[in-house]
Amino acid sequence: MKLARKAIITIMTVLALLAGASAAAATTASAATTAAPSLTPNIAWKYWSSYGTLHACNAEGDHLYLMENILTWKCVEYTEGDYFVWELFVVLGHPPGS
């Protein structure tokens, strides 16, 4: 699964760079911020749901990318007072191979 995840992140990075997004917005690993992903003219991030762990958020992002109608996703760490949650943002589009 790690090899598949690396391939997916590489593909997402290339697509985001081609769409004019910064390299930082293209990765899901850099999420230590409390703000929603920045909106760019070419990419419209939509809030999907929140998760208790980064692993759960990334697993849902992987699933949605492979099975549902999204182009990419990003997990953003968000503070809820005394604890943190991970919010999943997606970019709607067509799944791979369609």
N, C-alpha and C. Protein backbone atom coordinates (compact mmCIF):
# COMPACT_ATOMS: atom_id res chain seq x y z
N MET A 1 0.82 -1.19 0.00
CA MET A 1 0.00 0.00 0.00
C MET A 1 0.86 1.26 0.00
N LYS A 2 2.06 1.17 0.63
CA LYS A 2 2.91 2.35 0.65
C LYS A 2 3.38 2.71 -0.75
N LEU A 3 3.68 1.71 -1.58
CA LEU A 3 4.10 1.97 -2.95
C LEU A 3 2.97 2.61 -3.74
N ALA A 4 1.75 2.11 -3.56
CA ALA A 4 0.60 2.70 -4.24
C ALA A 4 0.37 4.13 -3.78
N ARG A 5 0.54 4.38 -2.48
CA ARG A 5 0.35 5.73 -1.94
C ARG A 5 1.39 6.69 -2.53
N LYS A 6 2.65 6.24 -2.63
CA LYS A 6 3.69 7.08 -3.21
C LYS A 6 3.38 7.40 -4.67
N ALA A 7 2.87 6.41 -5.40
CA ALA A 7 2.52 6.63 -6.81
C ALA A 7 1.37 7.63 -6.91
N ILE A 8 0.38 7.50 -6.04
CA ILE A 8 -0.77 8.41 -6.07
C ILE A 8 -0.33 9.83 -5.74
N ILE A 9 0.53 9.99 -4.73
CA ILE A 9 1.00 11.32 -4.36
C ILE A 9 1.81 11.93 -5.50
N THR A 10 2.63 11.12 -6.17
CA THR A 10 3.40 11.62 -7.31
C THR A 10 2.48 12.10 -8.42
N ILE A 11 1.46 11.32 -8.72
CA ILE A 11 0.50 11.71 -9.76
C ILE A 11 -0.23 12.98 -9.36
N MET A 12 -0.65 13.07 -8.09
CA MET A 12 -1.36 14.26 -7.63
C MET A 12 -0.46 15.49 -7.72
N THR A 13 0.81 15.33 -7.38
CA THR A 13 1.75 16.44 -7.44
C THR A 13 1.90 16.95 -8.86
N VAL A 14 2.06 16.04 -9.80
CA VAL A 14 2.20 16.43 -11.21
C VAL A 14 0.94 17.13 -11.69
N LEU A 15 -0.23 16.57 -11.37
CA LEU A 15 -1.49 17.20 -11.79
C LEU A 15 -1.66 18.59 -11.19
N ALA A 16 -1.31 18.72 -9.92
CA ALA A 16 -1.45 20.02 -9.27
C ALA A 16 -0.49 21.03 -9.85
N LEU A 17 0.74 20.60 -10.15
CA LEU A 17 1.70 21.52 -10.75
C LEU A 17 1.25 21.95 -12.14
N LEU A 18 0.69 21.01 -12.89
CA LEU A 18 0.18 21.35 -14.22
C LEU A 18 -1.00 22.30 -14.12
N ALA A 19 -1.77 22.19 -13.05
CA ALA A 19 -2.93 23.05 -12.86
C ALA A 19 -2.55 24.41 -12.28
N GLY A 20 -1.29 24.60 -11.94
CA GLY A 20 -0.84 25.89 -11.44
C GLY A 20 -0.78 26.00 -9.93
N ALA A 21 -0.97 24.91 -9.22
CA ALA A 21 -0.90 24.96 -7.76
C ALA A 21 0.55 24.86 -7.31
N SER A 22 0.83 25.29 -6.12
CA SER A 22 2.19 25.20 -5.60
C SER A 22 2.48 23.76 -5.19
N ALA A 23 3.73 23.41 -5.09
CA ALA A 23 4.12 22.05 -4.69
C ALA A 23 3.65 21.75 -3.27
N ALA A 24 3.60 22.75 -2.42
CA ALA A 24 3.16 22.52 -1.04
C ALA A 24 1.68 22.14 -0.99
N ALA A 25 0.88 22.70 -1.86
CA ALA A 25 -0.54 22.36 -1.89
C ALA A 25 -0.78 21.01 -2.52
N ALA A 26 0.21 20.48 -3.21
CA ALA A 26 0.04 19.21 -3.90
C ALA A 26 0.27 18.01 -3.01
N THR A 27 0.92 18.16 -1.89
CA THR A 27 1.20 17.02 -1.03
C THR A 27 0.21 16.97 0.11
N THR A 28 -0.02 15.75 0.58
CA THR A 28 -0.93 15.60 1.72
C THR A 28 -0.16 15.55 3.03
N ALA A 29 1.15 15.49 2.96
CA ALA A 29 1.93 15.35 4.19
C ALA A 29 2.08 16.66 4.94
N SER A 30 2.08 17.81 4.26
CA SER A 30 2.28 19.08 4.95
C SER A 30 0.93 19.65 5.37
N ALA A 31 0.49 19.27 6.57
CA ALA A 31 -0.84 19.66 7.01
C ALA A 31 -0.83 20.27 8.41
N ALA A 32 0.27 20.79 8.88
CA ALA A 32 0.34 21.33 10.24
C ALA A 32 -0.14 22.77 10.26
N THR A 33 -1.37 22.97 9.91
CA THR A 33 -1.97 24.30 9.92
C THR A 33 -3.41 24.18 10.37
N THR A 34 -3.98 25.25 10.88
CA THR A 34 -5.37 25.19 11.32
C THR A 34 -6.31 25.78 10.28
N ALA A 35 -5.78 26.30 9.19
CA ALA A 35 -6.62 26.89 8.16
C ALA A 35 -6.97 25.85 7.10
N ALA A 36 -8.06 26.09 6.41
CA ALA A 36 -8.46 25.22 5.30
C ALA A 36 -7.46 25.39 4.16
N PRO A 37 -7.38 24.41 3.26
CA PRO A 37 -6.47 24.56 2.13
C PRO A 37 -6.78 25.83 1.35
N SER A 38 -5.73 26.49 0.91
CA SER A 38 -5.95 27.73 0.18
C SER A 38 -6.63 27.44 -1.16
N LEU A 39 -7.53 28.29 -1.53
CA LEU A 39 -8.24 28.11 -2.79
C LEU A 39 -7.45 28.79 -3.90
N THR A 40 -7.25 28.09 -4.96
CA THR A 40 -6.59 28.66 -6.12
C THR A 40 -7.62 28.75 -7.24
N PRO A 41 -7.37 29.56 -8.26
CA PRO A 41 -8.35 29.69 -9.34
C PRO A 41 -8.67 28.37 -10.03
N ASN A 42 -7.68 27.45 -10.11
CA ASN A 42 -7.89 26.21 -10.84
C ASN A 42 -8.34 25.04 -9.97
N ILE A 43 -8.21 25.17 -8.65
CA ILE A 43 -8.55 24.06 -7.76
C ILE A 43 -9.56 24.55 -6.72
N ALA A 44 -10.69 23.87 -6.63
CA ALA A 44 -11.72 24.22 -5.65
C ALA A 44 -11.80 23.10 -4.61
N TRP A 45 -11.23 23.36 -3.43
CA TRP A 45 -11.25 22.37 -2.35
C TRP A 45 -12.61 22.37 -1.68
N LYS A 46 -13.15 21.20 -1.41
CA LYS A 46 -14.43 21.02 -0.72
C LYS A 46 -14.20 20.22 0.56
N TYR A 47 -14.80 20.66 1.66
CA TYR A 47 -14.70 19.93 2.92
C TYR A 47 -15.49 18.64 2.80
N TRP A 48 -14.88 17.52 3.25
CA TRP A 48 -15.56 16.22 3.18
C TRP A 48 -16.01 15.77 4.56
N SER A 49 -15.06 15.62 5.51
CA SER A 49 -15.38 15.16 6.85
C SER A 49 -14.17 15.33 7.75
N SER A 50 -14.30 15.03 9.05
CA SER A 50 -13.15 15.09 9.95
C SER A 50 -12.90 13.70 10.53
N TYR A 51 -11.62 13.44 10.89
CA TYR A 51 -11.19 12.13 11.36
C TYR A 51 -10.30 12.31 12.57
N GLY A 52 -10.25 11.31 13.43
CA GLY A 52 -9.49 11.39 14.67
C GLY A 52 -7.99 11.22 14.49
N THR A 53 -7.57 10.56 13.41
CA THR A 53 -6.14 10.34 13.18
C THR A 53 -5.80 10.67 11.73
N LEU A 54 -4.52 10.97 11.51
CA LEU A 54 -4.05 11.23 10.16
C LEU A 54 -4.18 9.97 9.30
N HIS A 55 -3.92 8.82 9.89
CA HIS A 55 -4.03 7.56 9.14
C HIS A 55 -5.46 7.36 8.63
N ALA A 56 -6.45 7.59 9.47
CA ALA A 56 -7.84 7.42 9.07
C ALA A 56 -8.21 8.41 7.96
N CYS A 57 -7.73 9.63 8.07
CA CYS A 57 -8.00 10.64 7.06
C CYS A 57 -7.38 10.25 5.72
N ASN A 58 -6.10 9.83 5.75
CA ASN A 58 -5.44 9.43 4.51
C ASN A 58 -6.05 8.17 3.91
N ALA A 59 -6.49 7.24 4.76
CA ALA A 59 -7.13 6.03 4.25
C ALA A 59 -8.43 6.38 3.53
N GLU A 60 -9.20 7.28 4.10
CA GLU A 60 -10.44 7.72 3.44
C GLU A 60 -10.12 8.45 2.14
N GLY A 61 -9.09 9.29 2.14
CA GLY A 61 -8.67 9.98 0.92
C GLY A 61 -8.26 9.00 -0.15
N ASP A 62 -7.48 7.97 0.22
CA ASP A 62 -7.09 6.93 -0.74
C ASP A 62 -8.32 6.25 -1.33
N HIS A 63 -9.25 5.88 -0.45
CA HIS A 63 -10.47 5.19 -0.89
C HIS A 63 -11.28 6.07 -1.85
N LEU A 64 -11.49 7.33 -1.47
CA LEU A 64 -12.27 8.22 -2.32
C LEU A 64 -11.59 8.45 -3.66
N TYR A 65 -10.26 8.57 -3.64
CA TYR A 65 -9.52 8.80 -4.89
C TYR A 65 -9.67 7.62 -5.84
N LEU A 66 -9.63 6.41 -5.28
CA LEU A 66 -9.70 5.22 -6.13
C LEU A 66 -11.12 4.82 -6.50
N MET A 67 -12.09 5.12 -5.65
CA MET A 67 -13.44 4.60 -5.87
C MET A 67 -14.51 5.65 -6.17
N GLU A 68 -14.26 6.89 -5.85
CA GLU A 68 -15.29 7.91 -6.00
C GLU A 68 -14.89 8.97 -7.01
N ASN A 69 -15.66 10.01 -7.09
CA ASN A 69 -15.50 11.05 -8.09
C ASN A 69 -14.68 12.23 -7.56
N ILE A 70 -13.39 11.98 -7.19
CA ILE A 70 -12.51 13.07 -6.77
C ILE A 70 -11.19 13.00 -7.51
N LEU A 71 -10.54 14.13 -7.67
CA LEU A 71 -9.23 14.20 -8.33
C LEU A 71 -8.09 14.07 -7.34
N THR A 72 -8.21 14.70 -6.17
CA THR A 72 -7.16 14.67 -5.16
C THR A 72 -7.78 15.00 -3.80
N TRP A 73 -6.99 14.85 -2.77
CA TRP A 73 -7.46 15.16 -1.42
C TRP A 73 -6.31 15.70 -0.60
N LYS A 74 -6.66 16.28 0.55
CA LYS A 74 -5.67 16.83 1.48
C LYS A 74 -6.23 16.69 2.89
N CYS A 75 -5.39 16.21 3.81
CA CYS A 75 -5.76 16.13 5.22
C CYS A 75 -5.11 17.29 5.95
N VAL A 76 -5.92 18.07 6.64
CA VAL A 76 -5.44 19.26 7.33
C VAL A 76 -5.68 19.09 8.83
N GLU A 77 -4.62 19.29 9.62
CA GLU A 77 -4.76 19.20 11.07
C GLU A 77 -5.50 20.43 11.58
N TYR A 78 -6.49 20.20 12.44
CA TYR A 78 -7.32 21.27 12.96
C TYR A 78 -7.49 21.07 14.46
N THR A 79 -7.36 22.13 15.22
CA THR A 79 -7.51 22.01 16.67
C THR A 79 -8.97 22.22 17.07
N GLU A 80 -9.40 21.36 17.98
CA GLU A 80 -10.75 21.46 18.56
C GLU A 80 -10.62 21.78 20.04
N GLY A 81 -9.80 22.76 20.38
CA GLY A 81 -9.59 23.10 21.78
C GLY A 81 -8.47 22.27 22.38
N ASP A 82 -8.82 21.23 23.14
CA ASP A 82 -7.83 20.39 23.80
C ASP A 82 -7.33 19.24 22.94
N TYR A 83 -7.92 19.02 21.79
CA TYR A 83 -7.49 17.89 20.96
C TYR A 83 -7.47 18.31 19.50
N PHE A 84 -6.84 17.47 18.69
CA PHE A 84 -6.72 17.73 17.26
C PHE A 84 -7.55 16.73 16.47
N VAL A 85 -8.07 17.17 15.35
CA VAL A 85 -8.73 16.28 14.39
C VAL A 85 -8.09 16.55 13.03
N TRP A 86 -8.33 15.68 12.10
CA TRP A 86 -7.85 15.84 10.73
C TRP A 86 -9.04 16.04 9.83
N GLU A 87 -9.09 17.16 9.14
CA GLU A 87 -10.19 17.45 8.23
C GLU A 87 -9.77 17.08 6.82
N LEU A 88 -10.65 16.36 6.14
CA LEU A 88 -10.39 15.91 4.78
C LEU A 88 -11.04 16.87 3.80
N PHE A 89 -10.22 17.43 2.91
CA PHE A 89 -10.70 18.28 1.83
C PHE A 89 -10.44 17.56 0.52
N VAL A 90 -11.36 17.63 -0.41
CA VAL A 90 -11.23 16.95 -1.70
C VAL A 90 -11.43 17.94 -2.83
N VAL A 91 -10.94 17.54 -4.00
CA VAL A 91 -11.22 18.27 -5.24
C VAL A 91 -12.06 17.31 -6.08
N LEU A 92 -13.28 17.73 -6.37
CA LEU A 92 -14.19 16.88 -7.13
C LEU A 92 -13.74 16.78 -8.57
N GLY A 93 -13.96 15.63 -9.17
CA GLY A 93 -13.57 15.40 -10.56
C GLY A 93 -13.83 13.96 -10.93
N HIS A 94 -13.11 13.47 -11.90
CA HIS A 94 -13.29 12.10 -12.36
C HIS A 94 -12.23 11.20 -11.77
N PRO A 95 -12.60 9.95 -11.39
CA PRO A 95 -11.63 9.03 -10.84
C PRO A 95 -10.65 8.55 -11.91
N PRO A 96 -9.54 7.95 -11.50
CA PRO A 96 -8.56 7.48 -12.47
C PRO A 96 -9.17 6.47 -13.44
N GLY A 97 -8.77 6.52 -14.66
CA GLY A 97 -9.21 5.56 -15.67
C GLY A 97 -10.56 5.83 -16.29
N SER A 98 -11.17 6.98 -15.97
CA SER A 98 -12.49 7.24 -16.56
C SER A 98 -12.41 8.33 -17.61
